[in-house]
PDB file of all heavy atoms in Angstrom:
ATOM      1  N   MET A   1      35.635   2.404   0.268  1.00  0.00           N
ATOM      2  CA  MET A   1      34.381   1.740  -0.008  1.00  0.00           C
ATOM      3  C   MET A   1      33.222   2.614   0.485  1.00  0.00           C
ATOM      4  O   MET A   1      33.272   3.198   1.552  1.00  0.00           O
ATOM      5  CB  MET A   1      34.357   0.386   0.705  1.00  0.00           C
ATOM      6  CG  MET A   1      33.106  -0.386   0.469  1.00  0.00           C
ATOM      7  SD  MET A   1      33.252  -2.020   1.250  1.00  0.00           S
ATOM      8  CE  MET A   1      31.705  -2.673   0.787  1.00  0.00           C
ATOM      9  N   ASP A   2      32.170   2.727  -0.329  1.00  0.00           N
ATOM     10  CA  ASP A   2      30.994   3.512   0.044  1.00  0.00           C
ATOM     11  C   ASP A   2      30.273   2.857   1.210  1.00  0.00           C
ATOM     12  O   ASP A   2      30.272   1.644   1.371  1.00  0.00           O
ATOM     13  CB  ASP A   2      30.024   3.619  -1.129  1.00  0.00           C
ATOM     14  CG  ASP A   2      30.590   4.455  -2.261  1.00  0.00           C
ATOM     15  OD1 ASP A   2      31.437   5.322  -1.980  1.00  0.00           O
ATOM     16  OD2 ASP A   2      30.194   4.226  -3.411  1.00  0.00           O
ATOM     17  N   SER A   3      29.648   3.689   2.045  1.00  0.00           N
ATOM     18  CA  SER A   3      28.892   3.145   3.167  1.00  0.00           C
ATOM     19  C   SER A   3      27.620   2.467   2.639  1.00  0.00           C
ATOM     20  O   SER A   3      27.041   2.874   1.638  1.00  0.00           O
ATOM     21  CB  SER A   3      28.525   4.254   4.155  1.00  0.00           C
ATOM     22  OG  SER A   3      27.678   5.190   3.525  1.00  0.00           O
ATOM     23  N   LEU A   4      27.210   1.457   3.350  1.00  0.00           N
ATOM     24  CA  LEU A   4      26.028   0.693   2.978  1.00  0.00           C
ATOM     25  C   LEU A   4      24.774   1.504   3.286  1.00  0.00           C
ATOM     26  O   LEU A   4      24.609   2.016   4.397  1.00  0.00           O
ATOM     27  CB  LEU A   4      25.999  -0.627   3.772  1.00  0.00           C
ATOM     28  CG  LEU A   4      24.806  -1.534   3.533  1.00  0.00           C
ATOM     29  CD1 LEU A   4      24.800  -2.037   2.094  1.00  0.00           C
ATOM     30  CD2 LEU A   4      24.847  -2.708   4.490  1.00  0.00           C
ATOM     31  N   GLN A   5      23.920   1.673   2.294  1.00  0.00           N
ATOM     32  CA  GLN A   5      22.664   2.381   2.499  1.00  0.00           C
ATOM     33  C   GLN A   5      21.517   1.389   2.380  1.00  0.00           C
ATOM     34  O   GLN A   5      21.499   0.561   1.473  1.00  0.00           O
ATOM     35  CB  GLN A   5      22.482   3.493   1.478  1.00  0.00           C
ATOM     36  CG  GLN A   5      23.430   4.643   1.686  1.00  0.00           C
ATOM     37  CD  GLN A   5      23.113   5.812   0.774  1.00  0.00           C
ATOM     38  OE1 GLN A   5      22.410   5.672  -0.207  1.00  0.00           O
ATOM     39  NE2 GLN A   5      23.631   6.965   1.114  1.00  0.00           N
ATOM     40  N   ILE A   6      20.573   1.484   3.290  1.00  0.00           N
ATOM     41  CA  ILE A   6      19.421   0.599   3.301  1.00  0.00           C
ATOM     42  C   ILE A   6      18.161   1.444   3.378  1.00  0.00           C
ATOM     43  O   ILE A   6      18.085   2.396   4.161  1.00  0.00           O
ATOM     44  CB  ILE A   6      19.466  -0.372   4.495  1.00  0.00           C
ATOM     45  CG1 ILE A   6      20.690  -1.283   4.368  1.00  0.00           C
ATOM     46  CG2 ILE A   6      18.185  -1.188   4.588  1.00  0.00           C
ATOM     47  CD1 ILE A   6      20.907  -2.187   5.558  1.00  0.00           C
ATOM     48  N   ALA A   7      17.180   1.110   2.574  1.00  0.00           N
ATOM     49  CA  ALA A   7      15.862   1.745   2.644  1.00  0.00           C
ATOM     50  C   ALA A   7      14.840   0.626   2.805  1.00  0.00           C
ATOM     51  O   ALA A   7      14.715  -0.230   1.938  1.00  0.00           O
ATOM     52  CB  ALA A   7      15.576   2.553   1.391  1.00  0.00           C
ATOM     53  N   SER A   8      14.142   0.632   3.931  1.00  0.00           N
ATOM     54  CA  SER A   8      13.153  -0.402   4.217  1.00  0.00           C
ATOM     55  C   SER A   8      11.780   0.229   4.331  1.00  0.00           C
ATOM     56  O   SER A   8      11.624   1.303   4.921  1.00  0.00           O
ATOM     57  CB  SER A   8      13.481  -1.111   5.532  1.00  0.00           C
ATOM     58  OG  SER A   8      14.760  -1.686   5.481  1.00  0.00           O
ATOM     59  N   PHE A   9      10.787  -0.470   3.781  1.00  0.00           N
ATOM     60  CA  PHE A   9       9.418   0.004   3.812  1.00  0.00           C
ATOM     61  C   PHE A   9       8.489  -1.113   4.272  1.00  0.00           C
ATOM     62  O   PHE A   9       8.678  -2.263   3.910  1.00  0.00           O
ATOM     63  CB  PHE A   9       8.957   0.454   2.415  1.00  0.00           C
ATOM     64  CG  PHE A   9       9.779   1.557   1.833  1.00  0.00           C
ATOM     65  CD1 PHE A   9      10.889   1.277   1.041  1.00  0.00           C
ATOM     66  CD2 PHE A   9       9.460   2.882   2.063  1.00  0.00           C
ATOM     67  CE1 PHE A   9      11.649   2.288   0.491  1.00  0.00           C
ATOM     68  CE2 PHE A   9      10.220   3.906   1.514  1.00  0.00           C
ATOM     69  CZ  PHE A   9      11.310   3.608   0.731  1.00  0.00           C
ATOM     70  N   VAL A  10       7.482  -0.737   5.051  1.00  0.00           N
ATOM     71  CA  VAL A  10       6.390  -1.636   5.385  1.00  0.00           C
ATOM     72  C   VAL A  10       5.163  -1.069   4.677  1.00  0.00           C
ATOM     73  O   VAL A  10       4.844   0.118   4.832  1.00  0.00           O
ATOM     74  CB  VAL A  10       6.148  -1.708   6.911  1.00  0.00           C
ATOM     75  CG1 VAL A  10       4.931  -2.560   7.216  1.00  0.00           C
ATOM     76  CG2 VAL A  10       7.383  -2.244   7.612  1.00  0.00           C
ATOM     77  N   VAL A  11       4.487  -1.913   3.885  1.00  0.00           N
ATOM     78  CA  VAL A  11       3.327  -1.470   3.119  1.00  0.00           C
ATOM     79  C   VAL A  11       2.111  -2.253   3.588  1.00  0.00           C
ATOM     80  O   VAL A  11       2.131  -3.486   3.587  1.00  0.00           O
ATOM     81  CB  VAL A  11       3.551  -1.678   1.602  1.00  0.00           C
ATOM     82  CG1 VAL A  11       2.355  -1.183   0.810  1.00  0.00           C
ATOM     83  CG2 VAL A  11       4.828  -0.995   1.146  1.00  0.00           C
ATOM     84  N   ARG A  12       1.051  -1.522   3.995  1.00  0.00           N
ATOM     85  CA  ARG A  12      -0.168  -2.178   4.478  1.00  0.00           C
ATOM     86  C   ARG A  12      -1.354  -1.702   3.650  1.00  0.00           C
ATOM     87  O   ARG A  12      -1.583  -0.502   3.495  1.00  0.00           O
ATOM     88  CB  ARG A  12      -0.416  -1.841   5.941  1.00  0.00           C
ATOM     89  CG  ARG A  12      -1.570  -2.661   6.524  1.00  0.00           C
ATOM     90  CD  ARG A  12      -1.871  -2.257   7.921  1.00  0.00           C
ATOM     91  NE  ARG A  12      -2.824  -1.143   7.840  1.00  0.00           N
ATOM     92  CZ  ARG A  12      -3.126  -0.354   8.845  1.00  0.00           C
ATOM     93  NH1 ARG A  12      -2.527  -0.487  10.004  1.00  0.00           N
ATOM     94  NH2 ARG A  12      -4.005   0.599   8.704  1.00  0.00           N
ATOM     95  N   PHE A  13      -2.100  -2.672   3.113  1.00  0.00           N
ATOM     96  CA  PHE A  13      -3.303  -2.392   2.340  1.00  0.00           C
ATOM     97  C   PHE A  13      -4.521  -2.662   3.204  1.00  0.00           C
ATOM     98  O   PHE A  13      -4.633  -3.729   3.811  1.00  0.00           O
ATOM     99  CB  PHE A  13      -3.375  -3.297   1.109  1.00  0.00           C
ATOM    100  CG  PHE A  13      -2.336  -2.988   0.066  1.00  0.00           C
ATOM    101  CD1 PHE A  13      -1.043  -3.446   0.208  1.00  0.00           C
ATOM    102  CD2 PHE A  13      -2.667  -2.256  -1.060  1.00  0.00           C
ATOM    103  CE1 PHE A  13      -0.087  -3.186  -0.761  1.00  0.00           C
ATOM    104  CE2 PHE A  13      -1.723  -1.981  -2.023  1.00  0.00           C
ATOM    105  CZ  PHE A  13      -0.422  -2.443  -1.874  1.00  0.00           C
ATOM    106  N   GLN A  14      -5.438  -1.682   3.243  1.00  0.00           N
ATOM    107  CA  GLN A  14      -6.688  -1.850   3.979  1.00  0.00           C
ATOM    108  C   GLN A  14      -7.834  -1.535   3.026  1.00  0.00           C
ATOM    109  O   GLN A  14      -7.872  -0.457   2.412  1.00  0.00           O
ATOM    110  CB  GLN A  14      -6.739  -0.910   5.184  1.00  0.00           C
ATOM    111  CG  GLN A  14      -8.014  -1.035   5.982  1.00  0.00           C
ATOM    112  CD  GLN A  14      -8.031  -0.094   7.187  1.00  0.00           C
ATOM    113  OE1 GLN A  14      -7.107   0.703   7.385  1.00  0.00           O
ATOM    114  NE2 GLN A  14      -9.058  -0.194   7.975  1.00  0.00           N
ATOM    115  N   LEU A  15      -8.766  -2.475   2.902  1.00  0.00           N
ATOM    116  CA  LEU A  15      -9.906  -2.259   2.029  1.00  0.00           C
ATOM    117  C   LEU A  15     -10.765  -1.139   2.598  1.00  0.00           C
ATOM    118  O   LEU A  15     -11.237  -1.216   3.738  1.00  0.00           O
ATOM    119  CB  LEU A  15     -10.722  -3.551   1.899  1.00  0.00           C
ATOM    120  CG  LEU A  15     -11.885  -3.516   0.917  1.00  0.00           C
ATOM    121  CD1 LEU A  15     -11.398  -3.179  -0.490  1.00  0.00           C
ATOM    122  CD2 LEU A  15     -12.617  -4.844   0.931  1.00  0.00           C
ATOM    123  N   ALA A  16     -10.951  -0.064   1.815  1.00  0.00           N
ATOM    124  CA  ALA A  16     -11.702   1.100   2.279  1.00  0.00           C
ATOM    125  C   ALA A  16     -13.162   1.024   1.835  1.00  0.00           C
ATOM    126  O   ALA A  16     -14.060   1.396   2.581  1.00  0.00           O
ATOM    127  CB  ALA A  16     -11.064   2.378   1.757  1.00  0.00           C
ATOM    128  N   ALA A  17     -13.407   0.519   0.608  1.00  0.00           N
ATOM    129  CA  ALA A  17     -14.769   0.449   0.088  1.00  0.00           C
ATOM    130  C   ALA A  17     -14.791  -0.435  -1.147  1.00  0.00           C
ATOM    131  O   ALA A  17     -13.750  -0.704  -1.758  1.00  0.00           O
ATOM    132  CB  ALA A  17     -15.272   1.844  -0.264  1.00  0.00           C
ATOM    133  N   VAL A  18     -15.993  -0.884  -1.492  1.00  0.00           N
ATOM    134  CA  VAL A  18     -16.209  -1.630  -2.731  1.00  0.00           C
ATOM    135  C   VAL A  18     -17.370  -0.961  -3.450  1.00  0.00           C
ATOM    136  O   VAL A  18     -18.453  -0.793  -2.871  1.00  0.00           O
ATOM    137  CB  VAL A  18     -16.537  -3.118  -2.454  1.00  0.00           C
ATOM    138  CG1 VAL A  18     -16.801  -3.854  -3.758  1.00  0.00           C
ATOM    139  CG2 VAL A  18     -15.425  -3.783  -1.666  1.00  0.00           C
ATOM    140  N   GLU A  19     -17.143  -0.582  -4.708  1.00  0.00           N
ATOM    141  CA  GLU A  19     -18.203   0.043  -5.494  1.00  0.00           C
ATOM    142  C   GLU A  19     -19.269  -1.005  -5.795  1.00  0.00           C
ATOM    143  O   GLU A  19     -18.970  -2.093  -6.291  1.00  0.00           O
ATOM    144  CB  GLU A  19     -17.637   0.626  -6.786  1.00  0.00           C
ATOM    145  CG  GLU A  19     -16.738   1.824  -6.570  1.00  0.00           C
ATOM    146  CD  GLU A  19     -16.203   2.397  -7.875  1.00  0.00           C
ATOM    147  OE1 GLU A  19     -16.768   2.086  -8.957  1.00  0.00           O
ATOM    148  OE2 GLU A  19     -15.228   3.155  -7.814  1.00  0.00           O
ATOM    149  N   LYS A  20     -20.521  -0.693  -5.480  1.00  0.00           N
ATOM    150  CA  LYS A  20     -21.611  -1.659  -5.642  1.00  0.00           C
ATOM    151  C   LYS A  20     -21.828  -2.057  -7.093  1.00  0.00           C
ATOM    152  O   LYS A  20     -22.028  -3.229  -7.396  1.00  0.00           O
ATOM    153  CB  LYS A  20     -22.904  -1.096  -5.051  1.00  0.00           C
ATOM    154  CG  LYS A  20     -22.887  -1.019  -3.545  1.00  0.00           C
ATOM    155  CD  LYS A  20     -24.208  -0.523  -3.005  1.00  0.00           C
ATOM    156  CE  LYS A  20     -24.144  -0.434  -1.482  1.00  0.00           C
ATOM    157  NZ  LYS A  20     -25.421   0.023  -0.914  1.00  0.00           N
ATOM    158  N   GLU A  21     -21.794  -1.089  -8.001  1.00  0.00           N
ATOM    159  CA  GLU A  21     -22.098  -1.372  -9.401  1.00  0.00           C
ATOM    160  C   GLU A  21     -21.001  -2.155 -10.105  1.00  0.00           C
ATOM    161  O   GLU A  21     -21.283  -3.068 -10.867  1.00  0.00           O
ATOM    162  CB  GLU A  21     -22.380  -0.074 -10.152  1.00  0.00           C
ATOM    163  CG  GLU A  21     -23.651   0.613  -9.685  1.00  0.00           C
ATOM    164  CD  GLU A  21     -23.905   1.904 -10.430  1.00  0.00           C
ATOM    165  OE1 GLU A  21     -23.180   2.219 -11.387  1.00  0.00           O
ATOM    166  OE2 GLU A  21     -24.845   2.618 -10.040  1.00  0.00           O
ATOM    167  N   THR A  22     -19.755  -1.785  -9.859  1.00  0.00           N
ATOM    168  CA  THR A  22     -18.640  -2.407 -10.591  1.00  0.00           C
ATOM    169  C   THR A  22     -17.895  -3.457  -9.786  1.00  0.00           C
ATOM    170  O   THR A  22     -17.170  -4.268 -10.358  1.00  0.00           O
ATOM    171  CB  THR A  22     -17.627  -1.338 -11.026  1.00  0.00           C
ATOM    172  OG1 THR A  22     -17.049  -0.750  -9.845  1.00  0.00           O
ATOM    173  CG2 THR A  22     -18.268  -0.261 -11.880  1.00  0.00           C
ATOM    174  N   GLY A  23     -18.035  -3.432  -8.475  1.00  0.00           N
ATOM    175  CA  GLY A  23     -17.280  -4.355  -7.628  1.00  0.00           C
ATOM    176  C   GLY A  23     -15.825  -3.944  -7.449  1.00  0.00           C
ATOM    177  O   GLY A  23     -15.038  -4.670  -6.849  1.00  0.00           O
ATOM    178  N   LYS A  24     -15.482  -2.759  -7.970  1.00  0.00           N
ATOM    179  CA  LYS A  24     -14.102  -2.275  -7.864  1.00  0.00           C
ATOM    180  C   LYS A  24     -13.773  -1.953  -6.409  1.00  0.00           C
ATOM    181  O   LYS A  24     -14.541  -1.297  -5.713  1.00  0.00           O
ATOM    182  CB  LYS A  24     -13.906  -1.028  -8.726  1.00  0.00           C
ATOM    183  CG  LYS A  24     -12.488  -0.505  -8.716  1.00  0.00           C
ATOM    184  CD  LYS A  24     -12.334   0.699  -9.620  1.00  0.00           C
ATOM    185  CE  LYS A  24     -10.909   1.219  -9.537  1.00  0.00           C
ATOM    186  NZ  LYS A  24     -10.718   2.407 -10.369  1.00  0.00           N
ATOM    187  N   LYS A  25     -12.620  -2.419  -5.978  1.00  0.00           N
ATOM    188  CA  LYS A  25     -12.174  -2.197  -4.600  1.00  0.00           C
ATOM    189  C   LYS A  25     -11.361  -0.908  -4.513  1.00  0.00           C
ATOM    190  O   LYS A  25     -10.561  -0.608  -5.396  1.00  0.00           O
ATOM    191  CB  LYS A  25     -11.326  -3.372  -4.117  1.00  0.00           C
ATOM    192  CG  LYS A  25     -12.094  -4.658  -4.049  1.00  0.00           C
ATOM    193  CD  LYS A  25     -11.222  -5.810  -3.624  1.00  0.00           C
ATOM    194  CE  LYS A  25     -12.023  -7.089  -3.588  1.00  0.00           C
ATOM    195  NZ  LYS A  25     -11.194  -8.243  -3.242  1.00  0.00           N
ATOM    196  N   GLN A  26     -11.595  -0.170  -3.442  1.00  0.00           N
ATOM    197  CA  GLN A  26     -10.807   1.024  -3.156  1.00  0.00           C
ATOM    198  C   GLN A  26      -9.982   0.733  -1.915  1.00  0.00           C
ATOM    199  O   GLN A  26     -10.512   0.264  -0.901  1.00  0.00           O
ATOM    200  CB  GLN A  26     -11.724   2.224  -2.917  1.00  0.00           C
ATOM    201  CG  GLN A  26     -12.545   2.593  -4.126  1.00  0.00           C
ATOM    202  CD  GLN A  26     -13.543   3.690  -3.837  1.00  0.00           C
ATOM    203  OE1 GLN A  26     -13.750   4.096  -2.703  1.00  0.00           O
ATOM    204  NE2 GLN A  26     -14.191   4.182  -4.882  1.00  0.00           N
ATOM    205  N   TRP A  27      -8.688   1.007  -2.030  1.00  0.00           N
ATOM    206  CA  TRP A  27      -7.763   0.670  -0.950  1.00  0.00           C
ATOM    207  C   TRP A  27      -7.211   1.927  -0.300  1.00  0.00           C
ATOM    208  O   TRP A  27      -6.992   2.939  -0.954  1.00  0.00           O
ATOM    209  CB  TRP A  27      -6.600  -0.154  -1.502  1.00  0.00           C
ATOM    210  CG  TRP A  27      -7.022  -1.470  -2.037  1.00  0.00           C
ATOM    211  CD1 TRP A  27      -7.323  -1.756  -3.339  1.00  0.00           C
ATOM    212  CD2 TRP A  27      -7.208  -2.671  -1.309  1.00  0.00           C
ATOM    213  NE1 TRP A  27      -7.681  -3.070  -3.458  1.00  0.00           N
ATOM    214  CE2 TRP A  27      -7.616  -3.658  -2.215  1.00  0.00           C
ATOM    215  CE3 TRP A  27      -7.079  -3.018   0.029  1.00  0.00           C
ATOM    216  CZ2 TRP A  27      -7.882  -4.956  -1.823  1.00  0.00           C
ATOM    217  CZ3 TRP A  27      -7.342  -4.317   0.414  1.00  0.00           C
ATOM    218  CH2 TRP A  27      -7.741  -5.277  -0.504  1.00  0.00           C
ATOM    219  N   ARG A  28      -6.956   1.825   0.989  1.00  0.00           N
ATOM    220  CA  ARG A  28      -6.156   2.823   1.695  1.00  0.00           C
ATOM    221  C   ARG A  28      -4.834   2.126   1.974  1.00  0.00           C
ATOM    222  O   ARG A  28      -4.804   1.037   2.553  1.00  0.00           O
ATOM    223  CB  ARG A  28      -6.816   3.265   2.993  1.00  0.00           C
ATOM    224  CG  ARG A  28      -5.981   4.327   3.689  1.00  0.00           C
ATOM    225  CD  ARG A  28      -6.706   5.013   4.782  1.00  0.00           C
ATOM    226  NE  ARG A  28      -7.118   4.035   5.802  1.00  0.00           N
ATOM    227  CZ  ARG A  28      -7.901   4.327   6.829  1.00  0.00           C
ATOM    228  NH1 ARG A  28      -8.377   5.532   6.970  1.00  0.00           N
ATOM    229  NH2 ARG A  28      -8.208   3.417   7.708  1.00  0.00           N
ATOM    230  N   ILE A  29      -3.757   2.745   1.561  1.00  0.00           N
ATOM    231  CA  ILE A  29      -2.441   2.114   1.635  1.00  0.00           C
ATOM    232  C   ILE A  29      -1.549   2.945   2.557  1.00  0.00           C
ATOM    233  O   ILE A  29      -1.355   4.138   2.329  1.00  0.00           O
ATOM    234  CB  ILE A  29      -1.800   2.003   0.236  1.00  0.00           C
ATOM    235  CG1 ILE A  29      -2.783   1.351  -0.748  1.00  0.00           C
ATOM    236  CG2 ILE A  29      -0.481   1.234   0.309  1.00  0.00           C
ATOM    237  CD1 ILE A  29      -2.409   1.533  -2.199  1.00  0.00           C
ATOM    238  N   LYS A  30      -1.023   2.310   3.599  1.00  0.00           N
ATOM    239  CA  LYS A  30      -0.120   2.991   4.523  1.00  0.00           C
ATOM    240  C   LYS A  30       1.294   2.471   4.302  1.00  0.00           C
ATOM    241  O   LYS A  30       1.536   1.263   4.325  1.00  0.00           O
ATOM    242  CB  LYS A  30      -0.521   2.762   5.977  1.00  0.00           C
ATOM    243  CG  LYS A  30       0.400   3.489   6.957  1.00  0.00           C
ATOM    244  CD  LYS A  30      -0.136   3.492   8.372  1.00  0.00           C
ATOM    245  CE  LYS A  30       0.165   2.208   9.070  1.00  0.00           C
ATOM    246  NZ  LYS A  30      -0.140   2.243  10.509  1.00  0.00           N
ATOM    247  N   VAL A  31       2.199   3.394   4.057  1.00  0.00           N
ATOM    248  CA  VAL A  31       3.609   3.049   3.853  1.00  0.00           C
ATOM    249  C   VAL A  31       4.409   3.640   5.008  1.00  0.00           C
ATOM    250  O   VAL A  31       4.303   4.822   5.311  1.00  0.00           O
ATOM    251  CB  VAL A  31       4.131   3.612   2.510  1.00  0.00           C
ATOM    252  CG1 VAL A  31       5.614   3.301   2.343  1.00  0.00           C
ATOM    253  CG2 VAL A  31       3.329   3.054   1.357  1.00  0.00           C
TER     254      VAL A  31
END
């Protein structure tokens, strides 16, 4: 039997900026 492989990730979104004209959000994402 093959050994069990696990890949775990923690993903964090932090709002970096909001464009004034469009309101589009820019995110910094840490994985």
